Amino acid sequence: MAGSGLLVIMFFFGLAGGIVGRVKGSSFFMWFMISGLVPFIGLLTAICYRVEHQELRRQCPGCGRVLKLHDTVCVRCGAELDFPEVAIAPEAAARHRAA
């Protein structure tokens, strides 16, 4: 009974971190665990984490797959990627234009 208050706090911090992480395009379960095990710092980290769907993208010259700008190796063909001169708009901007 003495530790039940701590468990409730950890659960709700985990829930908040998981929701924030999911909204930013990451894994709910991963941020739930991080924010639940390290309550204040984990939630703050989830809030400061980058938003995946707002990252610039680029196209692989070998296979044509669209990757994040910060990727250095194509996961499909294994080609090493140099920093491109032209970037593709983020997924969020492409969805906004289509709507």
PDB file of N, CA and C in Angstrom:
ATOM      1  N   MET A   1       0.811  -1.201   0.000  1.00  0.00           N
ATOM      2  CA  MET A   1       0.000   0.000   0.000  1.00  0.00           C
ATOM      3  C   MET A   1       0.853   1.262   0.000  1.00  0.00           C
ATOM      4  N   ALA A   2       2.024   1.209   0.580  1.00  0.00           N
ATOM      5  CA  ALA A   2       2.841   2.413   0.691  1.00  0.00           C
ATOM      6  C   ALA A   2       3.352   2.882  -0.668  1.00  0.00           C
ATOM      7  N   GLY A   3       3.602   1.978  -1.594  1.00  0.00           N
ATOM      8  CA  GLY A   3       4.136   2.352  -2.894  1.00  0.00           C
ATOM      9  C   GLY A   3       3.081   2.582  -3.956  1.00  0.00           C
ATOM     10  N   SER A   4       1.805   2.463  -3.595  1.00  0.00           N
ATOM     11  CA  SER A   4       0.753   2.589  -4.610  1.00  0.00           C
ATOM     12  C   SER A   4       0.647   4.014  -5.143  1.00  0.00           C
ATOM     13  N   GLY A   5       0.932   5.001  -4.319  1.00  0.00           N
ATOM     14  CA  GLY A   5       0.910   6.391  -4.784  1.00  0.00           C
ATOM     15  C   GLY A   5       1.967   6.630  -5.851  1.00  0.00           C
ATOM     16  N   LEU A   6       3.152   6.065  -5.637  1.00  0.00           N
ATOM     17  CA  LEU A   6       4.224   6.196  -6.614  1.00  0.00           C
ATOM     18  C   LEU A   6       3.855   5.501  -7.923  1.00  0.00           C
ATOM     19  N   LEU A   7       3.225   4.343  -7.836  1.00  0.00           N
ATOM     20  CA  LEU A   7       2.805   3.632  -9.044  1.00  0.00           C
ATOM     21  C   LEU A   7       1.773   4.419  -9.840  1.00  0.00           C
ATOM     22  N   VAL A   8       0.864   5.086  -9.152  1.00  0.00           N
ATOM     23  CA  VAL A   8      -0.141   5.906  -9.829  1.00  0.00           C
ATOM     24  C   VAL A   8       0.532   7.075 -10.537  1.00  0.00           C
ATOM     25  N   ILE A   9       1.477   7.723  -9.865  1.00  0.00           N
ATOM     26  CA  ILE A   9       2.217   8.842 -10.471  1.00  0.00           C
ATOM     27  C   ILE A   9       3.000   8.363 -11.681  1.00  0.00           C
ATOM     28  N   MET A  10       3.676   7.229 -11.552  1.00  0.00           N
ATOM     29  CA  MET A  10       4.454   6.695 -12.666  1.00  0.00           C
ATOM     30  C   MET A  10       3.552   6.336 -13.847  1.00  0.00           C
ATOM     31  N   PHE A  11       2.377   5.765 -13.569  1.00  0.00           N
ATOM     32  CA  PHE A  11       1.450   5.401 -14.638  1.00  0.00           C
ATOM     33  C   PHE A  11       0.985   6.630 -15.407  1.00  0.00           C
ATOM     34  N   PHE A  12       0.576   7.671 -14.693  1.00  0.00           N
ATOM     35  CA  PHE A  12       0.057   8.842 -15.381  1.00  0.00           C
ATOM     36  C   PHE A  12       1.150   9.632 -16.102  1.00  0.00           C
ATOM     37  N   PHE A  13       2.358   9.679 -15.561  1.00  0.00           N
ATOM     38  CA  PHE A  13       3.464  10.290 -16.300  1.00  0.00           C
ATOM     39  C   PHE A  13       3.770   9.461 -17.546  1.00  0.00           C
ATOM     40  N   GLY A  14       3.734   8.142 -17.427  1.00  0.00           N
ATOM     41  CA  GLY A  14       3.949   7.272 -18.582  1.00  0.00           C
ATOM     42  C   GLY A  14       2.878   7.469 -19.637  1.00  0.00           C
ATOM     43  N   LEU A  15       1.634   7.586 -19.210  1.00  0.00           N
ATOM     44  CA  LEU A  15       0.528   7.809 -20.132  1.00  0.00           C
ATOM     45  C   LEU A  15       0.691   9.142 -20.867  1.00  0.00           C
ATOM     46  N   ALA A  16       1.035  10.184 -20.131  1.00  0.00           N
ATOM     47  CA  ALA A  16       1.235  11.498 -20.757  1.00  0.00           C
ATOM     48  C   ALA A  16       2.397  11.461 -21.737  1.00  0.00           C
ATOM     49  N   GLY A  17       3.505  10.845 -21.347  1.00  0.00           N
ATOM     50  CA  GLY A  17       4.657  10.741 -22.241  1.00  0.00           C
ATOM     51  C   GLY A  17       4.347   9.917 -23.478  1.00  0.00           C
ATOM     52  N   GLY A  18       3.592   8.836 -23.309  1.00  0.00           N
ATOM     53  CA  GLY A  18       3.206   8.009 -24.443  1.00  0.00           C
ATOM     54  C   GLY A  18       2.331   8.752 -25.432  1.00  0.00           C
ATOM     55  N   ILE A  19       1.404   9.535 -24.927  1.00  0.00           N
ATOM     56  CA  ILE A  19       0.523  10.313 -25.802  1.00  0.00           C
ATOM     57  C   ILE A  19       1.323  11.378 -26.549  1.00  0.00           C
ATOM     58  N   VAL A  20       2.205  12.079 -25.844  1.00  0.00           N
ATOM     59  CA  VAL A  20       3.037  13.104 -26.489  1.00  0.00           C
ATOM     60  C   VAL A  20       3.916  12.466 -27.564  1.00  0.00           C
ATOM     61  N   GLY A  21       4.547  11.343 -27.243  1.00  0.00           N
ATOM     62  CA  GLY A  21       5.396  10.658 -28.209  1.00  0.00           C
ATOM     63  C   GLY A  21       4.626  10.195 -29.426  1.00  0.00           C
ATOM     64  N   ARG A  22       3.418   9.683 -29.235  1.00  0.00           N
ATOM     65  CA  ARG A  22       2.599   9.215 -30.356  1.00  0.00           C
ATOM     66  C   ARG A  22       2.173  10.373 -31.241  1.00  0.00           C
ATOM     67  N   VAL A  23       1.806  11.502 -30.647  1.00  0.00           N
ATOM     68  CA  VAL A  23       1.414  12.679 -31.419  1.00  0.00           C
ATOM     69  C   VAL A  23       2.576  13.164 -32.284  1.00  0.00           C
ATOM     70  N   LYS A  24       3.803  13.010 -31.781  1.00  0.00           N
ATOM     71  CA  LYS A  24       4.975  13.439 -32.533  1.00  0.00           C
ATOM     72  C   LYS A  24       5.451  12.396 -33.532  1.00  0.00           C
ATOM     73  N   GLY A  25       4.747  11.284 -33.660  1.00  0.00           N
ATOM     74  CA  GLY A  25       5.055  10.295 -34.672  1.00  0.00           C
ATOM     75  C   GLY A  25       5.971   9.173 -34.217  1.00  0.00           C
ATOM     76  N   SER A  26       6.157   9.002 -32.937  1.00  0.00           N
ATOM     77  CA  SER A  26       7.025   7.962 -32.417  1.00  0.00           C
ATOM     78  C   SER A  26       6.186   6.872 -31.749  1.00  0.00           C
ATOM     79  N   SER A  27       6.839   5.955 -31.076  1.00  0.00           N
ATOM     80  CA  SER A  27       6.173   4.822 -30.456  1.00  0.00           C
ATOM     81  C   SER A  27       5.524   5.199 -29.118  1.00  0.00           C
ATOM     82  N   PHE A  28       4.235   4.895 -28.980  1.00  0.00           N
ATOM     83  CA  PHE A  28       3.547   5.145 -27.718  1.00  0.00           C
ATOM     84  C   PHE A  28       4.179   4.330 -26.602  1.00  0.00           C
ATOM     85  N   PHE A  29       4.417   3.033 -26.853  1.00  0.00           N
ATOM     86  CA  PHE A  29       4.926   2.142 -25.813  1.00  0.00           C
ATOM     87  C   PHE A  29       6.312   2.573 -25.334  1.00  0.00           C
ATOM     88  N   MET A  30       7.182   2.959 -26.278  1.00  0.00           N
ATOM     89  CA  MET A  30       8.539   3.382 -25.902  1.00  0.00           C
ATOM     90  C   MET A  30       8.480   4.598 -24.981  1.00  0.00           C
ATOM     91  N   TRP A  31       7.698   5.623 -25.347  1.00  0.00           N
ATOM     92  CA  TRP A  31       7.623   6.825 -24.514  1.00  0.00           C
ATOM     93  C   TRP A  31       6.835   6.577 -23.229  1.00  0.00           C
ATOM     94  N   PHE A  32       5.899   5.636 -23.236  1.00  0.00           N
ATOM     95  CA  PHE A  32       5.199   5.255 -22.012  1.00  0.00           C
ATOM     96  C   PHE A  32       6.197   4.690 -20.997  1.00  0.00           C
ATOM     97  N   MET A  33       7.077   3.810 -21.485  1.00  0.00           N
ATOM     98  CA  MET A  33       8.066   3.199 -20.594  1.00  0.00           C
ATOM     99  C   MET A  33       9.074   4.230 -20.086  1.00  0.00           C
ATOM    100  N   ILE A  34       9.585   5.056 -20.975  1.00  0.00           N
ATOM    101  CA  ILE A  34      10.577   6.062 -20.569  1.00  0.00           C
ATOM    102  C   ILE A  34       9.970   7.040 -19.576  1.00  0.00           C
ATOM    103  N   SER A  35       8.797   7.569 -19.883  1.00  0.00           N
ATOM    104  CA  SER A  35       8.170   8.563 -19.005  1.00  0.00           C
ATOM    105  C   SER A  35       7.666   7.949 -17.707  1.00  0.00           C
ATOM    106  N   GLY A  36       7.316   6.676 -17.740  1.00  0.00           N
ATOM    107  CA  GLY A  36       6.863   6.020 -16.515  1.00  0.00           C
ATOM    108  C   GLY A  36       7.998   5.673 -15.574  1.00  0.00           C
ATOM    109  N   LEU A  37       9.135   5.247 -16.127  1.00  0.00           N
ATOM    110  CA  LEU A  37      10.265   4.854 -15.285  1.00  0.00           C
ATOM    111  C   LEU A  37      11.059   6.047 -14.766  1.00  0.00           C
ATOM    112  N   VAL A  38      11.086   7.129 -15.537  1.00  0.00           N
ATOM    113  CA  VAL A  38      11.790   8.357 -15.118  1.00  0.00           C
ATOM    114  C   VAL A  38      10.777   9.495 -15.260  1.00  0.00           C
ATOM    115  N   PRO A  39       9.848   9.631 -14.314  1.00  0.00           N
ATOM    116  CA  PRO A  39       8.664  10.462 -14.512  1.00  0.00           C
ATOM    117  C   PRO A  39       8.882  11.889 -15.030  1.00  0.00           C
ATOM    118  N   PHE A  40       9.543  12.747 -14.338  1.00  0.00           N
ATOM    119  CA  PHE A  40       9.622  14.144 -14.757  1.00  0.00           C
ATOM    120  C   PHE A  40      10.524  14.317 -15.975  1.00  0.00           C
ATOM    121  N   ILE A  41      11.697  13.717 -15.935  1.00  0.00           N
ATOM    122  CA  ILE A  41      12.665  13.852 -17.028  1.00  0.00           C
ATOM    123  C   ILE A  41      12.158  13.153 -18.286  1.00  0.00           C
ATOM    124  N   GLY A  42      11.515  12.013 -18.151  1.00  0.00           N
ATOM    125  CA  GLY A  42      10.992  11.287 -19.300  1.00  0.00           C
ATOM    126  C   GLY A  42       9.918  12.068 -20.034  1.00  0.00           C
ATOM    127  N   LEU A  43       9.006  12.680 -19.309  1.00  0.00           N
ATOM    128  CA  LEU A  43       7.960  13.479 -19.944  1.00  0.00           C
ATOM    129  C   LEU A  43       8.554  14.716 -20.604  1.00  0.00           C
ATOM    130  N   LEU A  44       9.498  15.360 -19.956  1.00  0.00           N
ATOM    131  CA  LEU A  44      10.163  16.524 -20.534  1.00  0.00           C
ATOM    132  C   LEU A  44      10.910  16.146 -21.815  1.00  0.00           C
ATOM    133  N   THR A  45      11.547  14.983 -21.819  1.00  0.00           N
ATOM    134  CA  THR A  45      12.241  14.505 -23.017  1.00  0.00           C
ATOM    135  C   THR A  45      11.260  14.228 -24.143  1.00  0.00           C
ATOM    136  N   ALA A  46      10.119  13.647 -23.836  1.00  0.00           N
ATOM    137  CA  ALA A  46       9.098  13.386 -24.865  1.00  0.00           C
ATOM    138  C   ALA A  46       8.590  14.692 -25.459  1.00  0.00           C
ATOM    139  N   ILE A  47       8.437  15.704 -24.635  1.00  0.00           N
ATOM    140  CA  ILE A  47       7.972  17.004 -25.120  1.00  0.00           C
ATOM    141  C   ILE A  47       9.014  17.642 -26.034  1.00  0.00           C
ATOM    142  N   CYS A  48      10.295  17.505 -25.688  1.00  0.00           N
ATOM    143  CA  CYS A  48      11.370  18.122 -26.472  1.00  0.00           C
ATOM    144  C   CYS A  48      11.785  17.298 -27.680  1.00  0.00           C
ATOM    145  N   TYR A  49      11.321  16.079 -27.809  1.00  0.00           N
ATOM    146  CA  TYR A  49      11.697  15.195 -28.910  1.00  0.00           C
ATOM    147  C   TYR A  49      11.211  15.767 -30.237  1.00  0.00           C
ATOM    148  N   ARG A  50      11.953  15.527 -31.317  1.00  0.00           N
ATOM    149  CA  ARG A  50      11.590  16.094 -32.617  1.00  0.00           C
ATOM    150  C   ARG A  50      10.294  15.478 -33.142  1.00  0.00           C
ATOM    151  N   VAL A  51       9.645  16.223 -33.995  1.00  0.00           N
ATOM    152  CA  VAL A  51       8.406  15.783 -34.615  1.00  0.00           C
ATOM    153  C   VAL A  51       8.764  15.093 -35.925  1.00  0.00           C
ATOM    154  N   GLU A  52       8.537  13.779 -36.010  1.00  0.00           N
ATOM    155  CA  GLU A  52       8.969  12.979 -37.149  1.00  0.00           C
ATOM    156  C   GLU A  52       8.348  13.422 -38.473  1.00  0.00           C
ATOM    157  N   HIS A  53       7.088  13.782 -38.492  1.00  0.00           N
ATOM    158  CA  HIS A  53       6.445  14.117 -39.753  1.00  0.00           C
ATOM    159  C   HIS A  53       6.760  15.532 -40.225  1.00  0.00           C
ATOM    160  N   GLN A  54       7.602  16.271 -39.496  1.00  0.00           N
ATOM    161  CA  GLN A  54       8.041  17.595 -39.926  1.00  0.00           C
ATOM    162  C   GLN A  54       9.502  17.599 -40.364  1.00  0.00           C
ATOM    163  N   GLU A  55      10.127  16.424 -40.447  1.00  0.00           N
ATOM    164  CA  GLU A  55      11.521  16.311 -40.882  1.00  0.00           C
ATOM    165  C   GLU A  55      11.604  16.399 -42.403  1.00  0.00           C
ATOM    166  N   LEU A  56      12.623  17.104 -42.896  1.00  0.00           N
ATOM    167  CA  LEU A  56      12.856  17.156 -44.332  1.00  0.00           C
ATOM    168  C   LEU A  56      13.243  15.773 -44.838  1.00  0.00           C
ATOM    169  N   ARG A  57      12.978  15.511 -46.116  1.00  0.00           N
ATOM    170  CA  ARG A  57      13.250  14.202 -46.695  1.00  0.00           C
ATOM    171  C   ARG A  57      14.134  14.349 -47.925  1.00  0.00           C
ATOM    172  N   ARG A  58      14.627  13.220 -48.419  1.00  0.00           N
ATOM    173  CA  ARG A  58      15.409  13.172 -49.646  1.00  0.00           C
ATOM    174  C   ARG A  58      15.131  11.869 -50.363  1.00  0.00           C
ATOM    175  N   GLN A  59      15.510  11.813 -51.630  1.00  0.00           N
ATOM    176  CA  GLN A  59      15.279  10.615 -52.431  1.00  0.00           C
ATOM    177  C   GLN A  59      16.610   9.910 -52.672  1.00  0.00           C
ATOM    178  N   CYS A  60      16.613   8.591 -52.502  1.00  0.00           N
ATOM    179  CA  CYS A  60      17.812   7.793 -52.728  1.00  0.00           C
ATOM    180  C   CYS A  60      18.116   7.783 -54.225  1.00  0.00           C
ATOM    181  N   PRO A  61      19.360   8.109 -54.626  1.00  0.00           N
ATOM    182  CA  PRO A  61      19.694   8.096 -56.052  1.00  0.00           C
ATOM    183  C   PRO A  61      19.753   6.678 -56.630  1.00  0.00           C
ATOM    184  N   GLY A  62      19.924   5.667 -55.775  1.00  0.00           N
ATOM    185  CA  GLY A  62      20.027   4.296 -56.262  1.00  0.00           C
ATOM    186  C   GLY A  62      18.688   3.648 -56.554  1.00  0.00           C
ATOM    187  N   CYS A  63      17.773   3.690 -55.579  1.00  0.00           N
ATOM    188  CA  CYS A  63      16.503   2.983 -55.738  1.00  0.00           C
ATOM    189  C   CYS A  63      15.288   3.906 -55.786  1.00  0.00           C
ATOM    190  N   GLY A  64      15.457   5.168 -55.448  1.00  0.00           N
ATOM    191  CA  GLY A  64      14.357   6.119 -55.515  1.00  0.00           C
ATOM    192  C   GLY A  64      13.494   6.206 -54.276  1.00  0.00           C
ATOM    193  N   ARG A  65      13.835   5.476 -53.229  1.00  0.00           N
ATOM    194  CA  ARG A  65      13.043   5.506 -52.003  1.00  0.00           C
ATOM    195  C   ARG A  65      13.200   6.867 -51.317  1.00  0.00           C
ATOM    196  N   VAL A  66      12.123   7.383 -50.739  1.00  0.00           N
ATOM    197  CA  VAL A  66      12.161   8.653 -50.021  1.00  0.00           C
ATOM    198  C   VAL A  66      12.518   8.371 -48.563  1.00  0.00           C
ATOM    199  N   LEU A  67      13.597   9.014 -48.087  1.00  0.00           N
ATOM    200  CA  LEU A  67      14.120   8.810 -46.736  1.00  0.00           C
ATOM    201  C   LEU A  67      14.179  10.138 -45.997  1.00  0.00           C
ATOM    202  N   LYS A  68      14.365  10.068 -44.698  1.00  0.00           N
ATOM    203  CA  LYS A  68      14.578  11.276 -43.910  1.00  0.00           C
ATOM    204  C   LYS A  68      15.918  11.895 -44.297  1.00  0.00           C
ATOM    205  N   LEU A  69      16.036  13.192 -44.173  1.00  0.00           N
ATOM    206  CA  LEU A  69      17.242  13.903 -44.571  1.00  0.00           C
ATOM    207  C   LEU A  69      18.449  13.466 -43.752  1.00  0.00           C
ATOM    208  N   HIS A  70      18.240  13.091 -42.503  1.00  0.00           N
ATOM    209  CA  HIS A  70      19.359  12.726 -41.630  1.00  0.00           C
ATOM    210  C   HIS A  70      19.845  11.289 -41.820  1.00  0.00           C
ATOM    211  N   ASP A  71      19.149  10.483 -42.639  1.00  0.00           N
ATOM    212  CA  ASP A  71      19.603   9.115 -42.921  1.00  0.00           C
ATOM    213  C   ASP A  71      20.871   9.159 -43.770  1.00  0.00           C
ATOM    214  N   THR A  72      21.846   8.323 -43.442  1.00  0.00           N
ATOM    215  CA  THR A  72      23.098   8.306 -44.204  1.00  0.00           C
ATOM    216  C   THR A  72      23.242   7.070 -45.075  1.00  0.00           C
ATOM    217  N   VAL A  73      22.417   6.041 -44.844  1.00  0.00           N
ATOM    218  CA  VAL A  73      22.436   4.820 -45.638  1.00  0.00           C
ATOM    219  C   VAL A  73      20.996   4.461 -45.978  1.00  0.00           C
ATOM    220  N   CYS A  74      20.752   4.120 -47.241  1.00  0.00           N
ATOM    221  CA  CYS A  74      19.416   3.710 -47.669  1.00  0.00           C
ATOM    222  C   CYS A  74      19.127   2.318 -47.105  1.00  0.00           C
ATOM    223  N   VAL A  75      17.974   2.163 -46.468  1.00  0.00           N
ATOM    224  CA  VAL A  75      17.631   0.877 -45.862  1.00  0.00           C
ATOM    225  C   VAL A  75      17.175  -0.141 -46.902  1.00  0.00           C
ATOM    226  N   ARG A  76      16.798   0.301 -48.093  1.00  0.00           N
ATOM    227  CA  ARG A  76      16.350  -0.625 -49.136  1.00  0.00           C
ATOM    228  C   ARG A  76      17.519  -1.182 -49.938  1.00  0.00           C
ATOM    229  N   CYS A  77      18.385  -0.292 -50.477  1.00  0.00           N
ATOM    230  CA  CYS A  77      19.452  -0.765 -51.365  1.00  0.00           C
ATOM    231  C   CYS A  77      20.840  -0.734 -50.726  1.00  0.00           C
ATOM    232  N   GLY A  78      20.989  -0.085 -49.572  1.00  0.00           N
ATOM    233  CA  GLY A  78      22.271  -0.047 -48.867  1.00  0.00           C
ATOM    234  C   GLY A  78      23.242   1.003 -49.380  1.00  0.00           C
ATOM    235  N   ALA A  79      22.797   1.889 -50.244  1.00  0.00           N
ATOM    236  CA  ALA A  79      23.674   2.931 -50.790  1.00  0.00           C
ATOM    237  C   ALA A  79      24.006   3.964 -49.721  1.00  0.00           C
ATOM    238  N   GLU A  80      25.272   4.395 -49.699  1.00  0.00           N
ATOM    239  CA  GLU A  80      25.666   5.474 -48.797  1.00  0.00           C
ATOM    240  C   GLU A  80      25.221   6.789 -49.416  1.00  0.00           C
ATOM    241  N   LEU A  81      24.617   7.646 -48.612  1.00  0.00           N
ATOM    242  CA  LEU A  81      24.021   8.868 -49.118  1.00  0.00           C
ATOM    243  C   LEU A  81      24.826  10.081 -48.688  1.00  0.00           C
ATOM    244  N   ASP A  82      25.173  10.919 -49.654  1.00  0.00           N
ATOM    245  CA  ASP A  82      25.800  12.202 -49.356  1.00  0.00           C
ATOM    246  C   ASP A  82      24.692  13.192 -49.034  1.00  0.00           C
ATOM    247  N   PHE A  83      25.075  14.319 -48.416  1.00  0.00           N
ATOM    248  CA  PHE A  83      24.071  15.333 -48.096  1.00  0.00           C
ATOM    249  C   PHE A  83      23.561  15.940 -49.402  1.00  0.00           C
ATOM    250  N   PRO A  84      22.246  15.943 -49.623  1.00  0.00           N
ATOM    251  CA  PRO A  84      21.714  16.406 -50.909  1.00  0.00           C
ATOM    252  C   PRO A  84      21.713  17.930 -51.031  1.00  0.00           C
ATOM    253  N   GLU A  85      21.718  18.399 -52.261  1.00  0.00           N
ATOM    254  CA  GLU A  85      21.624  19.841 -52.499  1.00  0.00           C
ATOM    255  C   GLU A  85      20.178  20.313 -52.408  1.00  0.00           C
ATOM    256  N   VAL A  86      19.240  19.410 -52.705  1.00  0.00           N
ATOM    257  CA  VAL A  86      17.822  19.752 -52.685  1.00  0.00           C
ATOM    258  C   VAL A  86      17.110  18.760 -51.769  1.00  0.00           C
ATOM    259  N   ALA A  87      16.257  19.280 -50.894  1.00  0.00           N
ATOM    260  CA  ALA A  87      15.484  18.428 -49.983  1.00  0.00           C
ATOM    261  C   ALA A  87      14.021  18.422 -50.415  1.00  0.00           C
ATOM    262  N   ILE A  88      13.335  17.353 -50.059  1.00  0.00           N
ATOM    263  CA  ILE A  88      11.905  17.218 -50.331  1.00  0.00           C
ATOM    264  C   ILE A  88      11.158  17.740 -49.109  1.00  0.00           C
ATOM    265  N   ALA A  89      10.016  18.344 -49.335  1.00  0.00           N
ATOM    266  CA  ALA A  89       9.211  18.894 -48.246  1.00  0.00           C
ATOM    267  C   ALA A  89       8.835  17.803 -47.247  1.00  0.00           C
ATOM    268  N   PRO A  90       8.618  18.183 -45.980  1.00  0.00           N
ATOM    269  CA  PRO A  90       8.194  17.201 -44.974  1.00  0.00           C
ATOM    270  C   PRO A  90       6.840  16.571 -45.309  1.00  0.00           C
ATOM    271  N   GLU A  91       6.565  15.434 -44.686  1.00  0.00           N
ATOM    272  CA  GLU A  91       5.301  14.730 -44.904  1.00  0.00           C
ATOM    273  C   GLU A  91       4.107  15.603 -44.526  1.00  0.00           C
ATOM    274  N   ALA A  92       4.241  16.375 -43.465  1.00  0.00           N
ATOM    275  CA  ALA A  92       3.130  17.224 -43.009  1.00  0.00           C
ATOM    276  C   ALA A  92       2.797  18.273 -44.056  1.00  0.00           C
ATOM    277  N   ALA A  93       3.798  18.852 -44.693  1.00  0.00           N
ATOM    278  CA  ALA A  93       3.549  19.869 -45.717  1.00  0.00           C
ATOM    279  C   ALA A  93       2.920  19.239 -46.958  1.00  0.00           C
ATOM    280  N   ALA A  94       3.351  18.040 -47.314  1.00  0.00           N
ATOM    281  CA  ALA A  94       2.774  17.357 -48.475  1.00  0.00           C
ATOM    282  C   ALA A  94       1.312  17.009 -48.224  1.00  0.00           C
ATOM    283  N   ARG A  95       0.984  16.573 -47.019  1.00  0.00           N
ATOM    284  CA  ARG A  95      -0.407  16.255 -46.678  1.00  0.00           C
ATOM    285  C   ARG A  95      -1.266  17.518 -46.672  1.00  0.00           C
ATOM    286  N   HIS A  96      -0.677  18.618 -46.203  1.00  0.00           N
ATOM    287  CA  HIS A  96      -1.416  19.886 -46.121  1.00  0.00           C
ATOM    288  C   HIS A  96      -1.759  20.393 -47.524  1.00  0.00           C
ATOM    289  N   ARG A  97      -0.815  20.257 -48.472  1.00  0.00           N
ATOM    290  CA  ARG A  97      -1.060  20.703 -49.849  1.00  0.00           C
ATOM    291  C   ARG A  97      -2.112  19.835 -50.525  1.00  0.00           C
ATOM    292  N   ALA A  98      -2.139  18.535 -50.218  1.00  0.00           N
ATOM    293  CA  ALA A  98      -3.081  17.612 -50.861  1.00  0.00           C
ATOM    294  C   ALA A  98      -4.516  17.857 -50.394  1.00  0.00           C
ATOM    295  N   ALA A  99      -4.658  18.372 -49.194  1.00  0.00           N
ATOM    296  CA  ALA A  99      -6.015  18.562 -48.629  1.00  0.00           C
ATOM    297  C   ALA A  99      -6.701  19.800 -49.095  1.00  0.00           C
TER     298      ALA A  99
END
